[in-house]
Amino acid sequence: MHLQWFKASAGEWPAFGEVDAEQLDHYGVFVIWRNGSAGRVSSVLYVGRGALRQELGRCQRDAVFRDARDLYVTWAKVDDLEMIDSVAAHLYKKLRPLWGEIVNAPPLTVNPPWAA
């Protein structure tokens, strides 16, 4: 399955704190990460799934993410609700986020954001 990962109008990944989750009205998956630099490795912090407005909004209110700096996020719509858990299971296995829950579903191979 090929996902269309969201990027801002200039082709940049959106900053986590600047996304208005209330504007998202579909179901899908999302990835929160911190970009690396010369002295720090990039790291995926969280892979989420479900109603994007609710789930991304919940993360933005969580102190774990709210107080962190230099975070980015992207999301992809998943039209078939029965596939969301399998898509998230694949992303969780492939990206190995620092936080989150292991999704107990058969993984469905999808393209990660950086291969979009």
C-alpha atoms as a PDB file:
ATOM      1  CA  MET A   1       0.000   0.000   0.000  1.00  0.00           C
ATOM      2  CA  HIS A   2       1.321   3.436  -0.910  1.00  0.00           C
ATOM      3  CA  LEU A   3       0.604   6.258   1.565  1.00  0.00           C
ATOM      4  CA  GLN A   4       0.528   9.965   0.731  1.00  0.00           C
ATOM      5  CA  TRP A   5       2.397  11.594   3.629  1.00  0.00           C
ATOM      6  CA  PHE A   6       1.530  15.205   4.367  1.00  0.00           C
ATOM      7  CA  LYS A   7       4.089  17.963   3.773  1.00  0.00           C
ATOM      8  CA  ALA A   8       3.592  21.713   4.110  1.00  0.00           C
ATOM      9  CA  SER A   9       3.123  23.855   0.996  1.00  0.00           C
ATOM     10  CA  ALA A  10       6.861  24.534   0.705  1.00  0.00           C
ATOM     11  CA  GLY A  11       7.599  20.802   0.744  1.00  0.00           C
ATOM     12  CA  GLU A  12       8.800  20.889   4.342  1.00  0.00           C
ATOM     13  CA  TRP A  13       7.750  18.597   7.158  1.00  0.00           C
ATOM     14  CA  PRO A  14       5.417  20.485   9.501  1.00  0.00           C
ATOM     15  CA  ALA A  15       6.587  21.421  12.979  1.00  0.00           C
ATOM     16  CA  PHE A  16       4.626  19.386  15.524  1.00  0.00           C
ATOM     17  CA  GLY A  17       3.539  22.380  17.614  1.00  0.00           C
ATOM     18  CA  GLU A  18       2.303  24.356  14.614  1.00  0.00           C
ATOM     19  CA  VAL A  19      -0.159  21.779  13.280  1.00  0.00           C
ATOM     20  CA  ASP A  20      -3.806  22.532  14.053  1.00  0.00           C
ATOM     21  CA  ALA A  21      -5.167  19.068  14.790  1.00  0.00           C
ATOM     22  CA  GLU A  22      -8.718  20.457  14.703  1.00  0.00           C
ATOM     23  CA  GLN A  23      -8.339  20.852  10.932  1.00  0.00           C
ATOM     24  CA  LEU A  24      -7.763  17.118  10.418  1.00  0.00           C
ATOM     25  CA  ASP A  25     -10.986  15.255   9.784  1.00  0.00           C
ATOM     26  CA  HIS A  26      -9.971  11.825   8.589  1.00  0.00           C
ATOM     27  CA  TYR A  27      -8.578   8.559   9.910  1.00  0.00           C
ATOM     28  CA  GLY A  28      -5.043   7.413   9.375  1.00  0.00           C
ATOM     29  CA  VAL A  29      -1.568   7.101  10.830  1.00  0.00           C
ATOM     30  CA  PHE A  30       0.986   9.676  11.954  1.00  0.00           C
ATOM     31  CA  VAL A  31       4.648   9.819  12.925  1.00  0.00           C
ATOM     32  CA  ILE A  32       6.279  12.250  15.383  1.00  0.00           C
ATOM     33  CA  TRP A  33      10.061  12.582  15.246  1.00  0.00           C
ATOM     34  CA  ARG A  34      13.015  14.786  16.109  1.00  0.00           C
ATOM     35  CA  ASN A  35      15.478  15.627  13.353  1.00  0.00           C
ATOM     36  CA  GLY A  36      19.084  14.911  14.010  1.00  0.00           C
ATOM     37  CA  SER A  37      22.047  17.215  13.609  1.00  0.00           C
ATOM     38  CA  ALA A  38      25.809  16.901  13.576  1.00  0.00           C
ATOM     39  CA  GLY A  39      25.746  16.021  17.286  1.00  0.00           C
ATOM     40  CA  ARG A  40      22.435  14.178  17.561  1.00  0.00           C
ATOM     41  CA  VAL A  41      20.864  11.245  15.752  1.00  0.00           C
ATOM     42  CA  SER A  42      17.337  11.583  14.366  1.00  0.00           C
ATOM     43  CA  SER A  43      14.784   9.617  16.349  1.00  0.00           C
ATOM     44  CA  VAL A  44      11.187   8.568  15.834  1.00  0.00           C
ATOM     45  CA  LEU A  45       9.308   9.271  19.036  1.00  0.00           C
ATOM     46  CA  TYR A  46       5.810   7.980  18.323  1.00  0.00           C
ATOM     47  CA  VAL A  47       3.665   6.215  15.734  1.00  0.00           C
ATOM     48  CA  GLY A  48      -0.032   6.946  16.167  1.00  0.00           C
ATOM     49  CA  ARG A  49      -3.228   5.835  14.488  1.00  0.00           C
ATOM     50  CA  GLY A  50      -6.960   6.433  14.475  1.00  0.00           C
ATOM     51  CA  ALA A  51      -9.019   9.607  14.203  1.00  0.00           C
ATOM     52  CA  LEU A  52      -6.224  12.082  13.456  1.00  0.00           C
ATOM     53  CA  ARG A  53      -7.970  15.068  15.051  1.00  0.00           C
ATOM     54  CA  GLN A  54      -8.338  13.235  18.342  1.00  0.00           C
ATOM     55  CA  GLU A  55      -5.094  11.278  18.414  1.00  0.00           C
ATOM     56  CA  LEU A  56      -2.740  14.008  17.222  1.00  0.00           C
ATOM     57  CA  GLY A  57      -4.536  16.514  19.469  1.00  0.00           C
ATOM     58  CA  ARG A  58      -4.053  14.174  22.441  1.00  0.00           C
ATOM     59  CA  CYS A  59      -0.320  14.028  21.716  1.00  0.00           C
ATOM     60  CA  GLN A  60      -0.117  17.830  21.456  1.00  0.00           C
ATOM     61  CA  ARG A  61      -1.680  18.123  24.927  1.00  0.00           C
ATOM     62  CA  ASP A  62       0.628  15.485  26.443  1.00  0.00           C
ATOM     63  CA  ALA A  63       3.509  16.982  28.423  1.00  0.00           C
ATOM     64  CA  VAL A  64       5.904  14.407  26.949  1.00  0.00           C
ATOM     65  CA  PHE A  65       5.511  16.021  23.541  1.00  0.00           C
ATOM     66  CA  ARG A  66       4.370  19.524  24.429  1.00  0.00           C
ATOM     67  CA  ASP A  67       7.586  20.358  26.259  1.00  0.00           C
ATOM     68  CA  ALA A  68       9.886  18.812  23.655  1.00  0.00           C
ATOM     69  CA  ARG A  69      11.641  20.977  21.092  1.00  0.00           C
ATOM     70  CA  ASP A  70      12.372  20.519  17.414  1.00  0.00           C
ATOM     71  CA  LEU A  71       9.632  17.963  16.789  1.00  0.00           C
ATOM     72  CA  TYR A  72       8.075  17.255  13.412  1.00  0.00           C
ATOM     73  CA  VAL A  73       4.992  15.350  12.393  1.00  0.00           C
ATOM     74  CA  THR A  74       3.430  13.958   9.276  1.00  0.00           C
ATOM     75  CA  TRP A  75       0.314  11.921   8.668  1.00  0.00           C
ATOM     76  CA  ALA A  76      -1.322   9.858   5.979  1.00  0.00           C
ATOM     77  CA  LYS A  77      -4.978   9.135   5.429  1.00  0.00           C
ATOM     78  CA  VAL A  78      -6.026   5.487   5.512  1.00  0.00           C
ATOM     79  CA  ASP A  79      -9.438   5.068   3.901  1.00  0.00           C
ATOM     80  CA  ASP A  80     -10.017   1.458   4.922  1.00  0.00           C
ATOM     81  CA  LEU A  81     -10.481   1.591   8.701  1.00  0.00           C
ATOM     82  CA  GLU A  82      -9.871  -2.135   8.967  1.00  0.00           C
ATOM     83  CA  MET A  83      -6.303  -1.590   7.685  1.00  0.00           C
ATOM     84  CA  ILE A  84      -5.211   1.130  10.130  1.00  0.00           C
ATOM     85  CA  ASP A  85      -3.897  -1.269  12.772  1.00  0.00           C
ATOM     86  CA  SER A  86      -1.961  -3.294  10.189  1.00  0.00           C
ATOM     87  CA  VAL A  87      -0.429  -0.137   8.694  1.00  0.00           C
ATOM     88  CA  ALA A  88       0.519   1.099  12.182  1.00  0.00           C
ATOM     89  CA  ALA A  89       1.970  -2.327  13.045  1.00  0.00           C
ATOM     90  CA  HIS A  90       4.289  -2.124  10.034  1.00  0.00           C
ATOM     91  CA  LEU A  91       5.360   1.443  10.816  1.00  0.00           C
ATOM     92  CA  TYR A  92       5.968   0.573  14.467  1.00  0.00           C
ATOM     93  CA  LYS A  93       8.109  -2.401  13.478  1.00  0.00           C
ATOM     94  CA  LYS A  94      10.041  -0.486  10.797  1.00  0.00           C
ATOM     95  CA  LEU A  95      10.526   2.875  12.567  1.00  0.00           C
ATOM     96  CA  ARG A  96      10.952   1.618  16.159  1.00  0.00           C
ATOM     97  CA  PRO A  97       9.518   4.629  18.009  1.00  0.00           C
ATOM     98  CA  LEU A  98      10.760   5.445  21.515  1.00  0.00           C
ATOM     99  CA  TRP A  99       7.189   5.601  22.912  1.00  0.00           C
ATOM    100  CA  GLY A 100       3.894   4.047  22.113  1.00  0.00           C
ATOM    101  CA  GLU A 101       2.154   0.749  22.125  1.00  0.00           C
ATOM    102  CA  ILE A 102       2.987  -2.286  20.080  1.00  0.00           C
ATOM    103  CA  VAL A 103       0.137  -2.846  17.652  1.00  0.00           C
ATOM    104  CA  ASN A 104      -1.058  -6.438  17.702  1.00  0.00           C
ATOM    105  CA  ALA A 105      -2.082  -6.870  14.072  1.00  0.00           C
ATOM    106  CA  PRO A 106      -0.502  -8.478  11.031  1.00  0.00           C
ATOM    107  CA  PRO A 107       1.764  -5.796   9.486  1.00  0.00           C
ATOM    108  CA  LEU A 108       0.784  -4.385   6.110  1.00  0.00           C
ATOM    109  CA  THR A 109       3.804  -3.064   4.205  1.00  0.00           C
ATOM    110  CA  VAL A 110       3.606   0.657   3.437  1.00  0.00           C
ATOM    111  CA  ASN A 111       6.079   3.339   2.475  1.00  0.00           C
ATOM    112  CA  PRO A 112       7.516   5.285   5.424  1.00  0.00           C
ATOM    113  CA  PRO A 113       7.388   9.097   5.314  1.00  0.00           C
ATOM    114  CA  TRP A 114      10.992   9.463   4.204  1.00  0.00           C
ATOM    115  CA  ALA A 115      10.386   7.305   1.141  1.00  0.00           C
ATOM    116  CA  ALA A 116       7.425   9.415   0.005  1.00  0.00           C
END
